[in-house]
Amino acid sequence: MIAEAVLAIEMGAVARDVLESIHPHPTLSETVMESAELADGAVTHIGKPRKK
């Protein structure tokens, strides 16, 4: 997981670059993809608060 983050930093990747790379499921490396989705505003696995 650290290797993927280090590689992204070294190549100057932005969140969208990380988001568009392949992340196998189920693995811990998916957390890097989920973080990139959150930064890009395209997150799918975080629930929205219910309206009261």
N, C-alpha and C. Protein backbone atom coordinates (compact mmCIF):
# COMPACT_ATOMS: atom_id res chain seq x y z
N MET A 1 0.83 -1.18 0.00
CA MET A 1 0.00 0.00 0.00
C MET A 1 0.88 1.25 0.00
N ILE A 2 1.93 1.24 0.78
CA ILE A 2 2.83 2.38 0.83
C ILE A 2 3.52 2.56 -0.52
N ALA A 3 3.87 1.46 -1.16
CA ALA A 3 4.56 1.53 -2.45
C ALA A 3 3.72 2.26 -3.48
N GLU A 4 2.42 2.04 -3.48
CA GLU A 4 1.55 2.72 -4.44
C GLU A 4 1.52 4.23 -4.18
N ALA A 5 1.45 4.61 -2.93
CA ALA A 5 1.44 6.04 -2.58
C ALA A 5 2.77 6.70 -2.93
N VAL A 6 3.87 6.01 -2.66
CA VAL A 6 5.20 6.55 -2.98
C VAL A 6 5.34 6.71 -4.49
N LEU A 7 4.91 5.72 -5.25
CA LEU A 7 4.98 5.80 -6.71
C LEU A 7 4.16 6.98 -7.23
N ALA A 8 2.96 7.17 -6.69
CA ALA A 8 2.11 8.28 -7.12
C ALA A 8 2.78 9.63 -6.83
N ILE A 9 3.41 9.74 -5.68
CA ILE A 9 4.11 10.98 -5.34
C ILE A 9 5.29 11.21 -6.27
N GLU A 10 6.07 10.16 -6.50
CA GLU A 10 7.26 10.28 -7.34
C GLU A 10 6.92 10.65 -8.79
N MET A 11 5.79 10.15 -9.29
CA MET A 11 5.44 10.45 -10.67
C MET A 11 4.59 11.71 -10.79
N GLY A 12 4.29 12.35 -9.66
CA GLY A 12 3.51 13.59 -9.68
C GLY A 12 2.05 13.36 -10.01
N ALA A 13 1.52 12.21 -9.63
CA ALA A 13 0.13 11.87 -9.93
C ALA A 13 -0.82 12.73 -9.12
N VAL A 14 -1.96 13.01 -9.70
CA VAL A 14 -3.05 13.67 -8.99
C VAL A 14 -4.09 12.60 -8.64
N ALA A 15 -5.08 12.96 -7.85
CA ALA A 15 -6.08 12.00 -7.40
C ALA A 15 -6.74 11.28 -8.57
N ARG A 16 -7.00 12.00 -9.64
CA ARG A 16 -7.66 11.39 -10.81
C ARG A 16 -6.80 10.29 -11.43
N ASP A 17 -5.47 10.49 -11.44
CA ASP A 17 -4.56 9.47 -11.97
C ASP A 17 -4.65 8.18 -11.15
N VAL A 18 -4.66 8.33 -9.85
CA VAL A 18 -4.75 7.16 -8.96
C VAL A 18 -6.11 6.50 -9.11
N LEU A 19 -7.14 7.31 -9.21
CA LEU A 19 -8.50 6.81 -9.34
C LEU A 19 -8.67 5.96 -10.60
N GLU A 20 -8.04 6.35 -11.68
CA GLU A 20 -8.20 5.66 -12.96
C GLU A 20 -7.30 4.43 -13.12
N SER A 21 -6.43 4.18 -12.17
CA SER A 21 -5.61 2.96 -12.24
C SER A 21 -6.40 1.78 -11.69
N ILE A 22 -5.96 0.58 -12.02
CA ILE A 22 -6.68 -0.63 -11.61
C ILE A 22 -6.30 -1.02 -10.19
N HIS A 23 -7.30 -1.28 -9.37
CA HIS A 23 -7.11 -1.73 -7.99
C HIS A 23 -7.90 -3.02 -7.81
N PRO A 24 -7.21 -4.14 -7.59
CA PRO A 24 -7.92 -5.41 -7.45
C PRO A 24 -8.81 -5.44 -6.21
N HIS A 25 -9.89 -6.20 -6.31
CA HIS A 25 -10.85 -6.32 -5.20
C HIS A 25 -10.89 -7.78 -4.77
N PRO A 26 -10.88 -8.10 -3.55
CA PRO A 26 -10.74 -7.27 -2.35
C PRO A 26 -9.27 -7.21 -1.91
N THR A 27 -8.74 -6.04 -1.79
CA THR A 27 -7.38 -5.84 -1.29
C THR A 27 -7.32 -4.54 -0.49
N LEU A 28 -6.27 -4.41 0.29
CA LEU A 28 -6.09 -3.17 1.04
C LEU A 28 -5.74 -2.01 0.13
N SER A 29 -5.20 -2.29 -1.06
CA SER A 29 -4.86 -1.19 -1.97
C SER A 29 -6.11 -0.44 -2.43
N GLU A 30 -7.27 -1.05 -2.26
CA GLU A 30 -8.52 -0.35 -2.61
C GLU A 30 -8.73 0.88 -1.74
N THR A 31 -8.14 0.91 -0.57
CA THR A 31 -8.29 2.09 0.29
C THR A 31 -7.62 3.31 -0.34
N VAL A 32 -6.56 3.09 -1.11
CA VAL A 32 -5.91 4.19 -1.83
C VAL A 32 -6.87 4.71 -2.90
N MET A 33 -7.52 3.80 -3.61
CA MET A 33 -8.49 4.20 -4.63
C MET A 33 -9.67 4.94 -3.99
N GLU A 34 -10.17 4.43 -2.86
CA GLU A 34 -11.28 5.08 -2.18
C GLU A 34 -10.91 6.50 -1.74
N SER A 35 -9.68 6.68 -1.29
CA SER A 35 -9.21 8.01 -0.89
C SER A 35 -9.14 8.93 -2.10
N ALA A 36 -8.69 8.40 -3.23
CA ALA A 36 -8.64 9.20 -4.46
C ALA A 36 -10.04 9.57 -4.91
N GLU A 37 -10.99 8.65 -4.78
CA GLU A 37 -12.38 8.96 -5.11
C GLU A 37 -12.91 10.07 -4.23
N LEU A 38 -12.62 10.00 -2.96
CA LEU A 38 -13.08 11.03 -2.03
C LEU A 38 -12.50 12.39 -2.40
N ALA A 39 -11.22 12.44 -2.73
CA ALA A 39 -10.57 13.70 -3.10
C ALA A 39 -11.12 14.23 -4.42
N ASP A 40 -11.53 13.33 -5.32
CA ASP A 40 -12.04 13.73 -6.63
C ASP A 40 -13.53 14.06 -6.59
N GLY A 41 -14.19 13.73 -5.49
CA GLY A 41 -15.63 13.99 -5.39
C GLY A 41 -16.49 12.92 -6.02
N ALA A 42 -15.90 11.77 -6.31
CA ALA A 42 -16.64 10.70 -6.97
C ALA A 42 -16.77 9.48 -6.07
N VAL A 43 -16.82 9.68 -4.78
CA VAL A 43 -16.84 8.57 -3.84
C VAL A 43 -18.18 7.82 -3.91
N THR A 44 -18.10 6.49 -3.85
CA THR A 44 -19.31 5.67 -3.95
C THR A 44 -19.61 4.88 -2.68
N HIS A 45 -18.64 4.69 -1.82
CA HIS A 45 -18.83 3.82 -0.67
C HIS A 45 -18.95 4.55 0.67
N ILE A 46 -19.30 5.80 0.66
CA ILE A 46 -19.53 6.54 1.91
C ILE A 46 -20.99 6.96 1.91
N GLY A 47 -21.69 6.57 2.96
CA GLY A 47 -23.10 6.89 3.05
C GLY A 47 -23.33 8.35 3.34
N LYS A 48 -24.44 8.86 2.81
CA LYS A 48 -24.83 10.24 3.07
C LYS A 48 -25.71 10.27 4.32
N PRO A 49 -25.56 11.30 5.14
CA PRO A 49 -26.42 11.39 6.34
C PRO A 49 -27.89 11.48 5.94
N ARG A 50 -28.72 10.86 6.75
CA ARG A 50 -30.16 10.92 6.49
C ARG A 50 -30.71 12.28 6.89
N LYS A 51 -31.68 12.73 6.13
CA LYS A 51 -32.33 13.99 6.47
C LYS A 51 -33.33 13.74 7.59
N LYS A 52 -33.43 14.68 8.49
CA LYS A 52 -34.37 14.54 9.62
C LYS A 52 -35.70 15.13 9.30
